[in-house]
N, C-alpha and C. Protein backbone atom coordinates (compact mmCIF):
# COMPACT_ATOMS: atom_id res chain seq x y z
N MET A 1 0.82 -1.19 0.00
CA MET A 1 0.00 0.00 0.00
C MET A 1 0.87 1.26 0.00
N LYS A 2 1.95 1.21 0.77
CA LYS A 2 2.86 2.35 0.84
C LYS A 2 3.48 2.64 -0.53
N ASN A 3 3.83 1.58 -1.29
CA ASN A 3 4.42 1.75 -2.62
C ASN A 3 3.43 2.39 -3.60
N ILE A 4 2.15 2.02 -3.48
CA ILE A 4 1.13 2.62 -4.35
C ILE A 4 1.00 4.11 -4.06
N PHE A 5 1.00 4.46 -2.79
CA PHE A 5 0.91 5.86 -2.40
C PHE A 5 2.09 6.66 -2.94
N ILE A 6 3.29 6.12 -2.82
CA ILE A 6 4.50 6.80 -3.30
C ILE A 6 4.44 6.95 -4.83
N ALA A 7 4.01 5.91 -5.52
CA ALA A 7 3.90 5.97 -6.98
C ALA A 7 2.87 7.03 -7.40
N LEU A 8 1.75 7.09 -6.70
CA LEU A 8 0.72 8.08 -7.00
C LEU A 8 1.23 9.48 -6.74
N LEU A 9 1.92 9.68 -5.65
CA LEU A 9 2.48 10.98 -5.30
C LEU A 9 3.49 11.44 -6.36
N CYS A 10 4.34 10.54 -6.81
CA CYS A 10 5.33 10.87 -7.85
C CYS A 10 4.64 11.25 -9.15
N THR A 11 3.61 10.52 -9.51
CA THR A 11 2.88 10.81 -10.75
C THR A 11 2.26 12.19 -10.70
N ILE A 12 1.63 12.52 -9.58
CA ILE A 12 1.01 13.84 -9.43
C ILE A 12 2.06 14.93 -9.48
N THR A 13 3.17 14.72 -8.79
CA THR A 13 4.24 15.71 -8.76
C THR A 13 4.80 15.97 -10.15
N PHE A 14 5.09 14.92 -10.91
CA PHE A 14 5.66 15.10 -12.24
C PHE A 14 4.65 15.71 -13.20
N SER A 15 3.38 15.40 -13.05
CA SER A 15 2.34 16.00 -13.89
C SER A 15 2.26 17.50 -13.65
N ALA A 16 2.32 17.89 -12.39
CA ALA A 16 2.28 19.31 -12.05
C ALA A 16 3.49 20.03 -12.61
N CYS A 17 4.66 19.42 -12.52
CA CYS A 17 5.88 20.04 -13.04
C CYS A 17 5.81 20.22 -14.55
N SER A 18 5.29 19.25 -15.27
CA SER A 18 5.22 19.38 -16.72
C SER A 18 4.23 20.45 -17.13
N SER A 19 3.12 20.62 -16.39
CA SER A 19 2.17 21.67 -16.75
C SER A 19 2.75 23.04 -16.45
N LEU A 20 3.54 23.16 -15.37
CA LEU A 20 4.21 24.42 -15.09
C LEU A 20 5.22 24.75 -16.17
N GLN A 21 5.94 23.76 -16.63
CA GLN A 21 6.92 23.97 -17.70
C GLN A 21 6.23 24.45 -18.97
N THR A 22 5.08 23.89 -19.29
CA THR A 22 4.33 24.32 -20.47
C THR A 22 3.97 25.80 -20.35
N ALA A 23 3.54 26.21 -19.18
CA ALA A 23 3.17 27.61 -18.97
C ALA A 23 4.39 28.52 -19.09
N ARG A 24 5.53 28.07 -18.59
CA ARG A 24 6.73 28.90 -18.63
C ARG A 24 7.31 29.02 -20.04
N THR A 25 7.14 28.01 -20.85
CA THR A 25 7.74 28.05 -22.18
C THR A 25 6.88 28.78 -23.18
N GLY A 26 5.70 29.23 -22.77
CA GLY A 26 4.87 30.00 -23.67
C GLY A 26 3.99 29.17 -24.57
N ASN A 27 3.81 27.90 -24.27
CA ASN A 27 2.97 27.04 -25.08
C ASN A 27 1.49 27.14 -24.70
N THR A 28 1.17 28.03 -23.78
CA THR A 28 -0.22 28.19 -23.38
C THR A 28 -0.93 29.11 -24.38
N GLU A 29 -2.23 28.94 -24.48
CA GLU A 29 -3.02 29.72 -25.40
C GLU A 29 -3.25 31.12 -24.83
N LEU A 30 -3.15 32.12 -25.69
CA LEU A 30 -3.38 33.50 -25.26
C LEU A 30 -4.87 33.75 -25.04
N ILE A 31 -5.18 34.64 -24.12
CA ILE A 31 -6.57 34.96 -23.79
C ILE A 31 -7.17 35.81 -24.90
N LYS A 32 -8.31 35.36 -25.41
CA LYS A 32 -9.06 36.12 -26.42
C LYS A 32 -10.38 36.55 -25.79
N ASP A 33 -10.29 37.51 -24.89
CA ASP A 33 -11.44 38.06 -24.19
C ASP A 33 -11.07 39.48 -23.80
N CYS A 34 -12.07 40.33 -23.67
CA CYS A 34 -11.81 41.74 -23.37
C CYS A 34 -11.52 41.95 -21.89
N PRO A 35 -10.36 42.53 -21.59
CA PRO A 35 -10.10 42.89 -20.19
C PRO A 35 -10.95 44.09 -19.81
N GLU A 36 -11.15 44.28 -18.52
CA GLU A 36 -11.96 45.39 -18.04
C GLU A 36 -11.25 46.73 -18.18
N GLU A 37 -9.93 46.71 -17.96
CA GLU A 37 -9.19 47.96 -17.92
C GLU A 37 -7.71 47.70 -18.14
N LYS A 38 -7.02 48.70 -18.70
CA LYS A 38 -5.55 48.64 -18.83
C LYS A 38 -4.99 49.70 -17.90
N ILE A 39 -4.09 49.30 -17.03
CA ILE A 39 -3.42 50.23 -16.12
C ILE A 39 -2.04 50.50 -16.69
N VAL A 40 -1.75 51.77 -16.92
CA VAL A 40 -0.44 52.20 -17.40
C VAL A 40 0.25 52.90 -16.23
N ASN A 41 1.25 52.25 -15.69
CA ASN A 41 1.94 52.75 -14.51
C ASN A 41 3.07 53.68 -14.93
N ARG A 42 2.91 54.95 -14.66
CA ARG A 42 3.94 55.94 -14.99
C ARG A 42 4.65 56.45 -13.74
N MET A 43 4.55 55.69 -12.67
CA MET A 43 5.24 56.08 -11.44
C MET A 43 6.74 55.95 -11.67
N PRO A 44 7.53 56.87 -11.12
CA PRO A 44 8.97 56.80 -11.34
C PRO A 44 9.57 55.54 -10.69
N GLY A 45 10.65 55.09 -11.29
CA GLY A 45 11.35 53.93 -10.76
C GLY A 45 11.26 52.74 -11.70
N PRO A 46 12.02 51.72 -11.39
CA PRO A 46 12.04 50.52 -12.24
C PRO A 46 10.74 49.73 -12.08
N PRO A 47 10.45 48.85 -13.03
CA PRO A 47 9.27 47.98 -12.88
C PRO A 47 9.37 47.13 -11.61
N ALA A 48 8.23 46.68 -11.14
CA ALA A 48 8.20 45.81 -9.96
C ALA A 48 9.01 44.55 -10.23
N LYS A 49 9.48 43.93 -9.20
CA LYS A 49 10.32 42.73 -9.32
C LYS A 49 9.63 41.69 -10.19
N GLY A 50 10.31 41.25 -11.24
CA GLY A 50 9.78 40.21 -12.11
C GLY A 50 8.97 40.74 -13.29
N ASP A 51 8.60 42.00 -13.27
CA ASP A 51 7.81 42.58 -14.37
C ASP A 51 8.74 43.27 -15.36
N LYS A 52 8.54 42.96 -16.64
CA LYS A 52 9.32 43.64 -17.68
C LYS A 52 8.66 44.98 -18.01
N ASP A 53 7.35 45.01 -17.93
CA ASP A 53 6.58 46.19 -18.28
C ASP A 53 5.82 46.64 -17.05
N LYS A 54 5.65 47.94 -16.93
CA LYS A 54 4.92 48.48 -15.78
C LYS A 54 3.42 48.50 -16.02
N SER A 55 2.97 48.21 -17.22
CA SER A 55 1.55 48.22 -17.54
C SER A 55 0.97 46.82 -17.38
N TYR A 56 -0.34 46.76 -17.13
CA TYR A 56 -1.02 45.48 -16.97
C TYR A 56 -2.51 45.66 -17.21
N TYR A 57 -3.21 44.55 -17.35
CA TYR A 57 -4.66 44.56 -17.51
C TYR A 57 -5.34 44.15 -16.21
N ILE A 58 -6.57 44.60 -16.04
CA ILE A 58 -7.47 44.08 -15.01
C ILE A 58 -8.45 43.20 -15.76
N TYR A 59 -8.48 41.91 -15.41
CA TYR A 59 -9.32 40.93 -16.10
C TYR A 59 -10.04 40.08 -15.05
N LYS A 60 -11.34 40.13 -15.10
CA LYS A 60 -12.18 39.42 -14.12
C LYS A 60 -11.78 39.81 -12.70
N GLY A 61 -11.50 41.11 -12.53
CA GLY A 61 -11.20 41.65 -11.20
C GLY A 61 -9.78 41.41 -10.71
N LYS A 62 -8.93 40.80 -11.54
CA LYS A 62 -7.56 40.49 -11.11
C LYS A 62 -6.54 41.07 -12.08
N ARG A 63 -5.35 41.32 -11.57
CA ARG A 63 -4.24 41.82 -12.38
C ARG A 63 -3.73 40.70 -13.27
N LYS A 64 -3.54 41.01 -14.57
CA LYS A 64 -3.01 40.03 -15.53
C LYS A 64 -1.96 40.72 -16.39
N LYS A 65 -0.94 39.97 -16.77
CA LYS A 65 0.10 40.50 -17.65
C LYS A 65 -0.48 40.77 -19.03
N ILE A 66 0.01 41.80 -19.67
CA ILE A 66 -0.42 42.13 -21.03
C ILE A 66 -0.04 41.00 -21.98
N SER A 67 1.08 40.35 -21.73
CA SER A 67 1.54 39.26 -22.59
C SER A 67 0.66 38.02 -22.51
N ASP A 68 -0.24 37.95 -21.53
CA ASP A 68 -1.17 36.82 -21.43
C ASP A 68 -2.30 36.90 -22.45
N PHE A 69 -2.44 38.05 -23.11
CA PHE A 69 -3.55 38.29 -24.02
C PHE A 69 -3.10 38.32 -25.47
N ASP A 70 -4.03 38.00 -26.37
CA ASP A 70 -3.80 38.08 -27.81
C ASP A 70 -4.03 39.55 -28.20
N ALA A 71 -2.93 40.28 -28.38
CA ALA A 71 -2.99 41.73 -28.61
C ALA A 71 -3.78 42.09 -29.87
N SER A 72 -3.59 41.35 -30.95
CA SER A 72 -4.31 41.68 -32.18
C SER A 72 -5.80 41.42 -32.04
N TRP A 73 -6.18 40.39 -31.30
CA TRP A 73 -7.59 40.10 -31.08
C TRP A 73 -8.24 41.21 -30.25
N ILE A 74 -7.54 41.67 -29.21
CA ILE A 74 -8.08 42.74 -28.37
C ILE A 74 -8.22 44.03 -29.17
N GLU A 75 -7.24 44.33 -30.00
CA GLU A 75 -7.28 45.55 -30.80
C GLU A 75 -8.50 45.56 -31.73
N LYS A 76 -8.84 44.41 -32.29
CA LYS A 76 -9.96 44.31 -33.23
C LYS A 76 -11.32 44.25 -32.53
N ASN A 77 -11.38 43.65 -31.35
CA ASN A 77 -12.66 43.31 -30.74
C ASN A 77 -13.02 44.04 -29.45
N CYS A 78 -12.11 44.79 -28.89
CA CYS A 78 -12.37 45.38 -27.56
C CYS A 78 -12.15 46.89 -27.53
N GLU A 79 -12.87 47.53 -26.65
CA GLU A 79 -12.62 48.92 -26.31
C GLU A 79 -12.23 48.91 -24.85
N VAL A 80 -10.94 48.99 -24.57
CA VAL A 80 -10.43 48.85 -23.22
C VAL A 80 -10.17 50.23 -22.62
N LYS A 81 -10.78 50.49 -21.46
CA LYS A 81 -10.54 51.73 -20.74
C LYS A 81 -9.09 51.73 -20.27
N GLU A 82 -8.40 52.84 -20.49
CA GLU A 82 -6.99 52.95 -20.08
C GLU A 82 -6.87 53.97 -18.96
N THR A 83 -6.25 53.55 -17.88
CA THR A 83 -6.03 54.44 -16.74
C THR A 83 -4.54 54.61 -16.53
N VAL A 84 -4.09 55.86 -16.50
CA VAL A 84 -2.68 56.16 -16.27
C VAL A 84 -2.53 56.55 -14.80
N VAL A 85 -1.60 55.90 -14.10
CA VAL A 85 -1.35 56.22 -12.71
C VAL A 85 0.05 56.82 -12.57
N TYR A 86 0.15 57.81 -11.69
CA TYR A 86 1.42 58.52 -11.45
C TYR A 86 1.87 58.37 -10.04
């Protein structure tokens, strides 16, 4: 019984790792839906740790990276409110 539990645990762990790798390598599908708002951060200083760009979208009430979205699809299909913060 202990061996079955260990085998199951290993399978779950490796499955989770492979799905994380897929997300990191950019093989995930881009979001084709209109975000609620685009925040353009013009506050002085470097981007927040880990962010390449200071701008982001608000989507379903949460902060999302601009790179998570299909930019050409949004340009054609959405009217996104843009808020500039200083």
